[in-house]
């Protein structure tokens, strides 16, 4: 008979397996399209007739093109070849309306060569905004001298006053175009809904043809490439790139763009959506599929680690064998990282989980210090419980380890803070302070895990540690590190993962427990190579 805890874990694993299988089935349905098997009700590709095509790109301040006036031709590609990729950079005139925080649109036409787009009944076109609205990034200066980069000073002079705290128009310097080049014959009775809205069909004799499917890759527009439009700007560069795309990849990109658009409709900002774009744009498609499976297992093990960690601390009544200093440091590190992300205006996709993690670490500190909060009106009163003789012995070892560690750690952190103050520009003193704390956490934070190792050595036991949570966290770390070089979802992933790896490396070389509680004997040199496991008697604690 399974216990309730085992049943819950099995249920979670079962739901996870169903989720993975369902996702694989959905992805297969996206990239695979059933072709038309007979002659009846089939929709033939117009590109199979080898028409002579021309690509024209116009700009205008109007979202709806009613006539051919008030538009500017910025790119004209005669004898357009669907199979040949290209990239061209052109200078686009910026109208006065756009310079005054307005919008500029690009109209992309694919039409027959030698015929104006609005006179061609077989043309296809799409509209894409070349501007977007964002709050400009605050200027960074040297806090001691007040100097900033020459380019930043020039941009600051050109910025309107409202640009400091209000969204202003930004230029998108890239326009990525695709045409579905597969001569695929669709079944008219089962057209994919995602592709259908991009299709324009015509009747030629008794056969229905679909015109070339034109697609604009909006995922390639990244926040890091945006340029602030100043009132004195008259021209801006626009890089127009083209490449053919297969039907399967086209359907995949359509779904991904719809997902990003849905996030924006739910209130995600341009920067939040950009974090999601980076997953697809900066990653190979095959590697992205592998990333999905790793991310799925990451989600599972992360949840199980969270569950076991909370369960361990919820039942924890004694701090025997547990380093209070390590718990306090972990809480401090998590809160500092959260404040750093808040100062950097990081995506909510990262900020919210970091905030939840900081709240959990604060709760652990409350448990570790045996703290009780009593409210006297609006004023809180803190009461601390008493420690037993064994807990005081643990605290003594913990304090001793922290004393030796401080001789090395504090000078390194202070030296790093002074160096960054002299050589790196920040937007405020608070930003420098938070960055200095975060750099100390990432660079030397793993050293604060050593007091726990010292306590383990003195007590000759590791039975008091949350081994299940550690095991799941190791699985999470290994999965993340295997893909770390390709990850780009969060800008601080490398530093965060390095710090986490070194922290967990302090504990993980020790043998994992079996059915009985383990006991670890360490040599006086604290070498992790000569670990021996022996049964632990409860009374030895």
Protein backbone atom coordinates (compact mmCIF):
# COMPACT_ATOMS: atom_id res chain seq x y z
CA UNK A 1 0.00 0.00 0.00
CA UNK A 2 1.52 3.30 -1.05
CA UNK A 3 1.76 6.14 1.40
CA UNK A 4 -0.01 9.40 0.71
CA UNK A 5 3.27 11.16 -0.05
CA UNK A 6 4.36 8.49 -2.55
CA UNK A 7 0.94 8.59 -4.18
CA UNK A 8 1.14 12.34 -4.63
CA UNK A 9 4.62 12.12 -6.14
CA UNK A 10 3.46 9.35 -8.49
CA UNK A 11 0.50 11.48 -9.50
CA UNK A 12 2.78 14.41 -10.31
CA UNK A 13 5.09 12.18 -12.37
CA UNK A 14 2.09 10.71 -14.19
CA UNK A 15 0.73 14.16 -15.05
CA UNK A 16 4.20 15.15 -16.24
CA UNK A 17 4.41 12.15 -18.60
CA UNK A 18 0.97 12.92 -20.02
CA UNK A 19 2.00 16.55 -20.51
CA UNK A 20 5.18 15.59 -22.41
CA UNK A 21 3.34 13.10 -24.65
CA UNK A 22 0.56 15.60 -25.37
CA UNK A 23 3.06 18.35 -26.20
CA UNK A 24 4.95 16.06 -28.58
CA UNK A 25 1.69 15.21 -30.33
CA UNK A 26 0.76 18.88 -30.65
CA UNK A 27 4.20 19.75 -32.02
CA UNK A 28 3.93 16.92 -34.56
CA UNK A 29 0.58 18.30 -35.68
CA UNK A 30 2.17 21.73 -36.17
CA UNK A 31 5.15 20.73 -38.29
CA UNK A 32 3.38 18.03 -40.32
CA UNK A 33 0.63 18.90 -42.80
CA UNK A 34 -1.28 16.21 -44.69
CA UNK A 35 -1.05 16.86 -48.44
CA UNK A 36 -3.99 16.58 -50.82
CA UNK A 37 -4.33 12.97 -52.03
CA UNK A 38 -6.72 13.44 -54.96
CA UNK A 39 -7.45 15.97 -57.68
CA UNK A 40 -10.74 17.15 -56.23
CA UNK A 41 -10.74 20.01 -53.72
CA UNK A 42 -6.97 20.51 -54.01
CA UNK A 43 -5.34 23.93 -53.86
CA UNK A 44 -2.29 24.22 -56.10
CA UNK A 45 0.70 26.55 -55.49
CA UNK A 46 0.85 29.57 -57.78
CA UNK A 47 4.66 29.53 -57.52
CA UNK A 48 4.68 26.27 -59.49
CA UNK A 49 3.80 28.32 -62.58
CA UNK A 50 7.18 30.13 -62.23
CA UNK A 51 5.85 33.72 -62.42
CA UNK A 52 8.24 36.69 -62.64
CA UNK A 53 7.94 38.46 -59.31
CA UNK A 54 9.05 41.73 -57.79
CA UNK A 55 9.45 42.70 -54.14
CA UNK A 56 8.64 46.28 -53.11
CA UNK A 57 8.87 47.83 -49.63
CA UNK A 58 7.13 51.14 -48.87
CA UNK A 59 6.91 53.23 -45.71
CA UNK A 60 4.06 55.44 -44.51
CA UNK A 61 2.65 56.84 -41.27
CA UNK A 62 -0.77 55.34 -42.02
CA UNK A 63 -1.81 51.94 -40.75
CA UNK A 64 -4.24 51.54 -43.67
CA UNK A 65 -3.08 52.30 -47.19
CA UNK A 66 -5.93 53.94 -49.06
CA UNK A 67 -4.05 55.39 -52.02
CA UNK A 68 -0.58 55.40 -53.55
CA UNK A 69 0.24 58.91 -52.35
CA UNK A 70 2.01 59.77 -49.10
CA UNK A 71 4.17 56.65 -49.30
CA UNK A 72 7.91 56.27 -49.86
CA UNK A 73 9.56 53.45 -51.77
CA UNK A 74 12.60 52.29 -49.76
CA UNK A 75 13.44 48.99 -51.50
CA UNK A 76 12.65 47.55 -54.91
CA UNK A 77 13.92 44.07 -55.84
CA UNK A 78 13.29 43.32 -59.50
CA UNK A 79 13.49 39.76 -60.80
CA UNK A 80 12.84 38.53 -57.29
CA UNK A 81 13.91 34.88 -56.86
CA UNK A 82 12.09 32.97 -54.13
CA UNK A 83 15.00 30.55 -53.74
CA UNK A 84 17.73 33.21 -53.31
CA UNK A 85 18.32 34.78 -49.92
CA UNK A 86 19.63 38.33 -49.55
CA UNK A 87 20.21 41.11 -47.04
CA UNK A 88 20.23 44.79 -47.91
CA UNK A 89 20.55 47.90 -45.79
CA UNK A 90 18.72 51.06 -46.84
CA UNK A 91 18.29 54.50 -45.31
CA UNK A 92 14.70 55.36 -44.45
CA UNK A 93 13.47 58.94 -44.21
CA UNK A 94 11.80 59.58 -40.86
CA UNK A 95 8.70 61.82 -41.19
CA UNK A 96 8.12 64.65 -38.73
CA UNK A 97 5.08 62.85 -37.29
CA UNK A 98 7.26 59.84 -36.44
CA UNK A 99 9.95 62.04 -34.89
CA UNK A 100 7.27 63.55 -32.64
CA UNK A 101 6.67 60.18 -30.99
CA UNK A 102 4.62 58.84 -33.89
CA UNK A 103 4.55 55.48 -35.70
CA UNK A 104 5.95 54.43 -39.07
CA UNK A 105 4.70 51.39 -40.99
CA UNK A 106 6.29 49.25 -43.67
CA UNK A 107 4.16 47.85 -46.50
CA UNK A 108 5.73 44.83 -48.17
CA UNK A 109 4.34 43.88 -51.60
CA UNK A 110 5.11 40.75 -53.62
CA UNK A 111 3.71 41.33 -57.09
CA UNK A 112 4.32 40.65 -60.77
CA UNK A 113 7.40 42.28 -62.24
CA UNK A 114 6.75 45.52 -64.14
CA UNK A 115 3.33 46.09 -62.57
CA UNK A 116 2.61 48.52 -59.74
CA UNK A 117 1.35 46.69 -56.61
CA UNK A 118 -2.02 48.45 -56.49
CA UNK A 119 -2.62 47.61 -60.17
CA UNK A 120 -1.84 43.92 -59.72
CA UNK A 121 -4.77 41.70 -58.78
CA UNK A 122 -2.45 38.83 -57.91
CA UNK A 123 -0.26 40.73 -55.44
CA UNK A 124 0.15 39.80 -51.78
CA UNK A 125 1.18 42.25 -49.09
CA UNK A 126 1.72 42.56 -45.36
CA UNK A 127 2.00 45.51 -42.98
CA UNK A 128 4.56 45.75 -40.18
CA UNK A 129 5.27 48.63 -37.77
CA UNK A 130 8.87 49.83 -37.90
CA UNK A 131 8.55 51.53 -34.51
CA UNK A 132 7.55 50.49 -31.02
CA UNK A 133 7.15 52.28 -27.71
CA UNK A 134 9.43 51.74 -24.72
CA UNK A 135 10.76 53.68 -21.74
CA UNK A 136 14.40 54.61 -22.53
CA UNK A 137 17.16 52.99 -20.51
CA UNK A 138 18.45 55.32 -17.74
CA UNK A 139 21.81 56.94 -18.41
CA UNK A 140 24.78 55.36 -16.61
CA UNK A 141 27.55 57.56 -15.20
CA UNK A 142 30.73 57.23 -13.17
CA UNK A 143 29.51 57.92 -9.63
CA UNK A 144 32.77 59.53 -8.55
CA UNK A 145 33.48 61.82 -11.52
CA UNK A 146 29.97 62.17 -12.97
CA UNK A 147 31.26 61.37 -16.45
CA UNK A 148 29.33 59.30 -18.98
CA UNK A 149 30.04 58.02 -22.46
CA UNK A 150 30.15 60.66 -25.19
CA UNK A 151 27.45 58.84 -27.11
CA UNK A 152 25.21 58.72 -24.04
CA UNK A 153 25.69 62.44 -23.45
CA UNK A 154 24.81 63.21 -27.07
CA UNK A 155 21.68 61.07 -26.90
CA UNK A 156 20.68 62.64 -23.59
CA UNK A 157 20.86 66.10 -25.14
CA UNK A 158 18.65 65.03 -28.03
CA UNK A 159 16.10 63.24 -25.87
CA UNK A 160 12.89 65.09 -25.05
CA UNK A 161 12.26 65.69 -21.37
CA UNK A 162 9.34 63.26 -21.34
CA UNK A 163 11.64 60.46 -22.55
CA UNK A 164 13.05 60.07 -19.07
CA UNK A 165 9.95 58.43 -17.60
CA UNK A 166 7.47 58.01 -20.48
CA UNK A 167 7.45 55.56 -23.40
CA UNK A 168 9.00 57.02 -26.53
CA UNK A 169 9.17 55.78 -30.09
CA UNK A 170 11.99 53.35 -30.86
CA UNK A 171 13.23 52.25 -34.29
CA UNK A 172 13.27 48.60 -35.33
CA UNK A 173 16.36 48.34 -37.56
CA UNK A 174 15.57 44.87 -38.96
CA UNK A 175 12.84 43.62 -41.27
CA UNK A 176 13.03 39.85 -41.84
CA UNK A 177 10.90 38.50 -44.71
CA UNK A 178 10.10 34.92 -45.67
CA UNK A 179 8.20 33.23 -48.48
CA UNK A 180 7.00 29.63 -48.22
CA UNK A 181 8.93 28.04 -51.09
CA UNK A 182 7.53 24.48 -50.90
CA UNK A 183 5.31 23.56 -53.84
CA UNK A 184 2.86 22.02 -51.41
CA UNK A 185 -0.63 21.02 -52.53
CA UNK A 186 -3.15 21.74 -49.78
CA UNK A 187 -6.35 19.85 -49.15
CA UNK A 188 -9.12 22.44 -49.30
CA UNK A 189 -11.25 20.49 -46.82
CA UNK A 190 -8.57 20.50 -44.10
CA UNK A 191 -6.58 23.71 -44.43
CA UNK A 192 -4.46 24.49 -41.34
CA UNK A 193 -5.99 27.49 -39.60
CA UNK A 194 -2.59 29.05 -38.87
CA UNK A 195 -1.53 29.14 -42.53
CA UNK A 196 -5.01 29.89 -43.87
CA UNK A 197 -4.99 33.48 -42.66
CA UNK A 198 -1.79 34.13 -44.64
CA UNK A 199 -3.20 32.60 -47.85
CA UNK A 200 -4.79 34.44 -50.75
CA UNK A 201 -6.48 32.17 -53.29
CA UNK A 202 -7.47 32.76 -56.91
CA UNK A 203 -9.37 30.73 -59.50
CA UNK A 204 -7.44 29.89 -62.68
CA UNK A 205 -9.69 27.88 -64.97
CA UNK A 206 -11.03 24.94 -62.99
CA UNK A 207 -8.17 24.91 -60.52
CA UNK A 208 -7.81 26.93 -57.32
CA UNK A 209 -4.33 28.31 -56.66
CA UNK A 210 -2.89 30.00 -53.60
CA UNK A 211 -0.61 32.97 -54.15
CA UNK A 212 2.89 33.08 -52.57
CA UNK A 213 2.66 32.99 -48.78
CA UNK A 214 4.50 36.06 -47.48
CA UNK A 215 5.56 36.11 -43.85
CA UNK A 216 7.28 38.69 -41.60
CA UNK A 217 9.49 37.25 -38.88
CA UNK A 218 8.66 39.48 -35.91
CA UNK A 219 10.66 37.29 -33.52
CA UNK A 220 13.90 38.68 -34.98
CA UNK A 221 13.07 42.16 -33.61
CA UNK A 222 14.96 42.26 -30.31
CA UNK A 223 14.93 44.94 -27.64
CA UNK A 224 18.73 45.13 -27.65
CA UNK A 225 18.64 46.33 -31.30
CA UNK A 226 16.10 49.12 -30.78
CA UNK A 227 17.17 52.72 -31.39
CA UNK A 228 15.59 55.79 -29.78
CA UNK A 229 14.08 58.14 -32.39
CA UNK A 230 15.16 61.71 -31.62
CA UNK A 231 13.44 64.82 -32.93
CA UNK A 232 16.54 65.73 -34.92
CA UNK A 233 16.74 62.34 -36.65
CA UNK A 234 15.94 62.55 -40.36
CA UNK A 235 17.17 59.13 -41.57
CA UNK A 236 17.59 55.74 -39.96
CA UNK A 237 19.07 52.48 -41.31
CA UNK A 238 16.83 49.53 -42.08
CA UNK A 239 18.23 46.09 -42.83
CA UNK A 240 15.86 44.07 -45.00
CA UNK A 241 16.68 40.37 -45.10
CA UNK A 242 14.96 37.58 -47.01
CA UNK A 243 15.13 33.81 -46.88
CA UNK A 244 12.82 31.05 -48.01
CA UNK A 245 11.05 28.94 -45.39
CA UNK A 246 9.55 25.46 -45.41
CA UNK A 247 5.90 24.84 -44.55
CA UNK A 248 6.70 23.09 -41.27
CA UNK A 249 9.02 25.85 -40.08
CA UNK A 250 6.52 28.50 -41.21
CA UNK A 251 3.73 26.96 -39.14
CA UNK A 252 6.04 26.69 -36.15
CA UNK A 253 7.05 30.38 -36.35
CA UNK A 254 3.40 31.42 -36.72
CA UNK A 255 2.51 29.59 -33.52
CA UNK A 256 5.47 31.07 -31.67
CA UNK A 257 4.61 34.60 -32.78
CA UNK A 258 1.01 34.06 -31.71
CA UNK A 259 2.25 32.91 -28.30
CA UNK A 260 4.38 36.03 -27.87
CA UNK A 261 1.47 38.21 -29.00
CA UNK A 262 -0.79 36.51 -26.44
CA UNK A 263 1.70 37.34 -23.69
CA UNK A 264 1.60 41.00 -24.71
CA UNK A 265 -2.21 40.94 -24.68
CA UNK A 266 -2.09 39.62 -21.11
CA UNK A 267 -0.06 42.67 -20.07
CA UNK A 268 3.53 41.60 -20.72
CA UNK A 269 5.73 44.48 -21.81
CA UNK A 270 7.94 44.55 -24.89
CA UNK A 271 10.92 43.61 -22.73
CA UNK A 272 9.07 40.67 -21.16
CA UNK A 273 8.10 39.34 -24.58
CA UNK A 274 11.67 39.84 -25.78
CA UNK A 275 12.93 37.35 -23.20
CA UNK A 276 10.66 34.72 -24.76
CA UNK A 277 11.74 35.68 -28.28
CA UNK A 278 15.35 35.01 -27.38
CA UNK A 279 14.54 31.35 -26.76
CA UNK A 280 13.49 30.85 -30.37
CA UNK A 281 15.68 33.32 -32.26
CA UNK A 282 19.04 32.60 -30.62
CA UNK A 283 18.65 28.82 -30.57
CA UNK A 284 18.89 26.21 -33.30
CA UNK A 285 15.50 24.62 -34.02
CA UNK A 286 16.72 21.08 -33.29
CA UNK A 287 18.48 22.24 -30.16
CA UNK A 288 15.25 24.01 -29.20
CA UNK A 289 13.43 20.65 -29.28
CA UNK A 290 16.09 19.19 -26.97
CA UNK A 291 15.77 22.25 -24.75
CA UNK A 292 12.05 21.57 -24.43
CA UNK A 293 12.64 18.10 -22.99
CA UNK A 294 15.33 19.37 -20.63
CA UNK A 295 13.05 22.23 -19.55
CA UNK A 296 10.22 19.76 -18.95
CA UNK A 297 12.36 17.61 -16.68
CA UNK A 298 13.72 20.80 -15.09
CA UNK A 299 10.14 21.79 -14.23
CA UNK A 300 9.43 18.36 -12.74
CA UNK A 301 12.57 18.18 -10.59
CA UNK A 302 12.24 21.83 -9.61
CA UNK A 303 8.74 21.15 -8.33
CA UNK A 304 9.82 18.00 -6.46
CA UNK A 305 12.79 19.86 -4.93
CA UNK A 306 10.49 22.68 -3.87
CA UNK A 307 7.98 20.23 -2.39
CA UNK A 308 10.58 18.27 -0.41
CA UNK A 309 12.38 21.40 0.75
CA UNK A 310 9.17 22.94 2.09
CA UNK A 311 8.17 19.63 3.70
CA UNK A 312 11.61 19.30 5.36
CA UNK A 313 11.57 22.78 6.88
CA UNK A 314 7.92 22.57 7.86
CA UNK A 315 8.69 19.54 10.05
CA UNK A 316 12.01 20.93 11.30
CA UNK A 317 11.83 21.46 15.07
CA UNK A 318 15.52 21.46 15.93
CA UNK A 319 18.57 23.10 14.37
CA UNK A 320 20.97 20.37 15.50
CA UNK A 321 23.56 19.88 12.76
CA UNK A 322 22.20 22.77 10.64
CA UNK A 323 24.29 25.87 9.98
CA UNK A 324 22.23 28.93 10.85
CA UNK A 325 24.81 31.14 9.13
CA UNK A 326 24.35 29.23 5.88
CA UNK A 327 20.57 29.69 6.10
CA UNK A 328 20.98 33.41 6.75
CA UNK A 329 23.41 33.75 3.85
CA UNK A 330 21.11 31.90 1.48
CA UNK A 331 18.29 34.25 2.47
CA UNK A 332 20.50 37.31 2.04
CA UNK A 333 21.71 36.10 -1.37
CA UNK A 334 18.20 35.40 -2.64
CA UNK A 335 16.86 38.79 -1.49
CA UNK A 336 19.84 40.62 -3.02
CA UNK A 337 19.38 38.84 -6.35
CA UNK A 338 15.67 39.75 -6.29
CA UNK A 339 16.48 43.43 -5.63
CA UNK A 340 19.08 43.33 -8.41
CA UNK A 341 16.53 41.96 -10.89
CA UNK A 342 14.06 44.60 -9.76
CA UNK A 343 16.66 47.36 -10.28
CA UNK A 344 17.49 46.00 -13.77
CA UNK A 345 13.77 45.95 -14.67
CA UNK A 346 14.05 42.27 -15.55
CA UNK A 347 11.22 40.36 -17.17
CA UNK A 348 8.34 39.25 -14.95
CA UNK A 349 9.07 35.71 -16.14
CA UNK A 350 12.21 35.85 -13.97
CA UNK A 351 11.25 38.44 -11.37
CA UNK A 352 8.15 36.68 -9.99
CA UNK A 353 9.87 33.29 -9.31
CA UNK A 354 12.80 35.14 -7.73
CA UNK A 355 10.40 37.01 -5.44
CA UNK A 356 8.67 33.78 -4.40
CA UNK A 357 12.06 32.21 -3.69
CA UNK A 358 13.08 35.18 -1.54
CA UNK A 359 9.85 34.89 0.49
CA UNK A 360 10.51 31.17 1.09
CA UNK A 361 14.07 31.86 2.26
CA UNK A 362 12.75 34.47 4.71
CA UNK A 363 10.37 31.83 6.07
CA UNK A 364 13.31 29.42 6.52
CA UNK A 365 15.17 32.08 8.52
CA UNK A 366 12.14 32.46 10.75
CA UNK A 367 12.17 28.69 11.36
CA UNK A 368 15.95 28.56 11.88
CA UNK A 369 15.96 31.37 14.46
CA UNK A 370 12.80 30.04 16.13
CA UNK A 371 11.29 33.45 15.64
CA UNK A 372 7.75 34.36 16.63
CA UNK A 373 6.18 37.64 15.48
CA UNK A 374 3.57 39.24 17.76
CA UNK A 375 1.73 42.35 16.61
CA UNK A 376 1.15 45.14 19.09
CA UNK A 377 -1.17 47.21 16.97
CA UNK A 378 0.92 48.25 13.99
CA UNK A 379 4.25 47.49 15.70
CA UNK A 380 5.68 43.95 15.41
CA UNK A 381 7.39 42.31 18.37
CA UNK A 382 9.95 39.58 17.73
CA UNK A 383 10.44 36.71 20.18
CA UNK A 384 13.14 34.06 19.82
CA UNK A 385 13.00 30.52 21.19
CA UNK A 386 15.65 28.89 23.33
CA UNK A 387 18.32 26.50 22.06
CA UNK A 388 19.12 23.11 23.54
CA UNK A 389 22.64 22.08 24.54
CA UNK A 390 23.16 20.21 21.23
CA UNK A 391 21.91 23.22 19.24
CA UNK A 392 24.28 25.54 21.12
CA UNK A 393 27.14 23.19 20.26
CA UNK A 394 26.17 23.37 16.58
CA UNK A 395 25.98 27.16 16.81
CA UNK A 396 29.46 27.24 18.32
CA UNK A 397 30.93 25.30 15.38
CA UNK A 398 28.98 27.50 12.98
CA UNK A 399 30.35 30.71 14.50
CA UNK A 400 33.88 29.32 14.49
CA UNK A 401 33.70 28.46 10.78
CA UNK A 402 32.25 31.89 9.94
CA UNK A 403 35.06 33.62 11.82
CA UNK A 404 37.75 31.93 9.72
CA UNK A 405 35.80 32.47 6.52
CA UNK A 406 35.36 36.21 7.11
CA UNK A 407 39.12 36.75 6.98
CA UNK A 408 39.05 35.76 3.30
CA UNK A 409 35.61 36.75 2.14
CA UNK A 410 35.16 40.33 3.36
CA UNK A 411 38.36 41.77 1.81
CA UNK A 412 37.49 40.17 -1.54
CA UNK A 413 33.97 41.62 -1.56
CA UNK A 414 35.10 45.09 -0.47
CA UNK A 415 37.91 45.08 -3.04
CA UNK A 416 35.51 44.10 -5.81
CA UNK A 417 33.07 46.86 -4.81
CA UNK A 418 35.81 49.52 -4.84
CA UNK A 419 37.11 48.33 -8.21
CA UNK A 420 33.64 48.50 -9.79
CA UNK A 421 33.10 51.97 -8.34
CA UNK A 422 36.28 53.23 -9.98
CA UNK A 423 35.94 51.54 -13.37
CA UNK A 424 32.26 50.81 -14.08
CA UNK A 425 29.41 53.24 -14.72
CA UNK A 426 26.10 52.96 -12.86
CA UNK A 427 22.86 54.86 -12.97
CA UNK A 428 22.75 55.49 -9.18
CA UNK A 429 24.52 54.72 -5.89
CA UNK A 430 21.79 52.22 -5.09
CA UNK A 431 22.48 50.44 -8.38
CA UNK A 432 26.20 50.26 -7.51
CA UNK A 433 25.43 48.89 -4.05
CA UNK A 434 23.09 46.18 -5.35
CA UNK A 435 25.49 45.24 -8.15
CA UNK A 436 28.37 44.97 -5.66
CA UNK A 437 26.32 42.66 -3.44
CA UNK A 438 25.25 40.55 -6.40
CA UNK A 439 28.80 40.26 -7.74
CA UNK A 440 29.91 39.12 -4.30
CA UNK A 441 27.13 36.55 -4.18
CA UNK A 442 27.96 35.16 -7.61
CA UNK A 443 31.73 35.20 -7.21
CA UNK A 444 32.22 34.12 -3.59
CA UNK A 445 28.78 33.07 -2.36
CA UNK A 446 29.60 29.37 -2.55
CA UNK A 447 32.16 29.91 0.23
CA UNK A 448 29.31 30.61 2.63
CA UNK A 449 28.25 26.99 2.23
CA UNK A 450 31.48 25.89 3.90
CA UNK A 451 30.23 26.52 7.47
CA UNK A 452 27.69 23.73 6.93
CA UNK A 453 30.49 21.44 5.78
CA UNK A 454 32.50 22.38 8.87
CA UNK A 455 29.51 21.54 11.10
CA UNK A 456 29.14 18.21 9.32
CA UNK A 457 32.80 17.46 9.96
CA UNK A 458 32.61 18.31 13.65
CA UNK A 459 29.42 16.31 14.25
CA UNK A 460 30.52 13.44 11.97
CA UNK A 461 27.01 13.34 10.47
CA UNK A 462 24.95 14.52 7.49
CA UNK A 463 21.66 12.90 8.55
CA UNK A 464 20.15 16.30 9.34
CA UNK A 465 20.36 17.58 5.74
CA UNK A 466 17.40 17.57 3.28
CA UNK A 467 18.85 14.89 0.99
CA UNK A 468 15.78 14.48 -1.20
CA UNK A 469 15.71 18.19 -2.00
CA UNK A 470 19.48 18.13 -2.68
CA UNK A 471 19.09 15.18 -5.03
CA UNK A 472 16.41 16.91 -7.10
CA UNK A 473 18.42 20.15 -7.15
CA UNK A 474 21.43 18.27 -8.51
CA UNK A 475 19.26 16.92 -11.33
CA UNK A 476 18.05 20.44 -12.09
CA UNK A 477 21.61 21.83 -12.08
CA UNK A 478 22.99 19.09 -14.34
CA UNK A 479 20.21 19.65 -16.86
CA UNK A 480 20.73 23.42 -16.89
CA UNK A 481 24.51 23.20 -17.19
CA UNK A 482 24.26 20.78 -20.12
CA UNK A 483 22.51 23.52 -22.10
CA UNK A 484 24.07 26.59 -20.49
CA UNK A 485 26.16 27.65 -23.48
CA UNK A 486 23.04 27.92 -25.64
CA UNK A 487 20.68 29.44 -23.09
CA UNK A 488 19.75 33.08 -23.56
CA UNK A 489 16.46 33.46 -21.78
CA UNK A 490 17.94 35.39 -18.88
CA UNK A 491 20.99 37.62 -19.12
CA UNK A 492 22.42 36.56 -15.75
CA UNK A 493 22.10 32.81 -16.38
CA UNK A 494 25.84 32.17 -16.52
CA UNK A 495 26.66 33.91 -13.24
CA UNK A 496 23.62 32.50 -11.45
CA UNK A 497 24.27 28.95 -12.62
CA UNK A 498 27.97 29.12 -11.79
CA UNK A 499 27.20 30.24 -8.24
CA UNK A 500 24.55 27.55 -7.82
CA UNK A 501 26.86 24.85 -9.17
CA UNK A 502 29.68 25.77 -6.78
CA UNK A 503 27.27 25.98 -3.84
CA UNK A 504 25.82 22.55 -4.48
CA UNK A 505 29.29 21.18 -5.21
CA UNK A 506 30.13 21.69 -1.54
CA UNK A 507 27.57 19.07 -0.52
CA UNK A 508 26.99 16.77 -3.47
CA UNK A 509 30.31 14.82 -3.46
CA UNK A 510 29.14 13.26 -0.19
CA UNK A 511 27.48 9.87 -0.60
CA UNK A 512 23.71 10.00 -0.95
CA UNK A 513 21.82 8.14 1.76
CA UNK A 514 20.23 4.77 1.24
CA UNK A 515 17.53 3.24 3.39
CA UNK A 516 19.42 3.98 6.61
CA UNK A 517 20.72 7.34 7.74
CA UNK A 518 24.33 7.89 6.60
CA UNK A 519 27.29 8.97 8.62
CA UNK A 520 30.18 10.71 6.88
CA UNK A 521 33.73 10.63 8.29
CA UNK A 522 36.09 13.26 6.92
CA UNK A 523 39.83 13.41 7.24
CA UNK A 524 41.22 16.44 9.11
CA UNK A 525 42.18 17.97 5.76
CA UNK A 526 38.46 18.16 4.87
CA UNK A 527 39.20 16.26 1.65
CA UNK A 528 36.06 15.02 -0.08
CA UNK A 529 37.91 12.16 -1.75
CA UNK A 530 38.07 9.89 1.27
CA UNK A 531 34.47 9.82 2.42
CA UNK A 532 33.33 6.73 4.29
CA UNK A 533 29.74 5.86 5.02
CA UNK A 534 28.70 4.16 8.23
CA UNK A 535 25.34 3.69 9.98
CA UNK A 536 24.36 6.54 12.27
CA UNK A 537 22.92 5.99 15.71
CA UNK A 538 20.24 8.49 16.59
CA UNK A 539 21.56 8.99 20.12
CA UNK A 540 24.85 10.26 18.72
CA UNK A 541 23.08 13.47 17.84
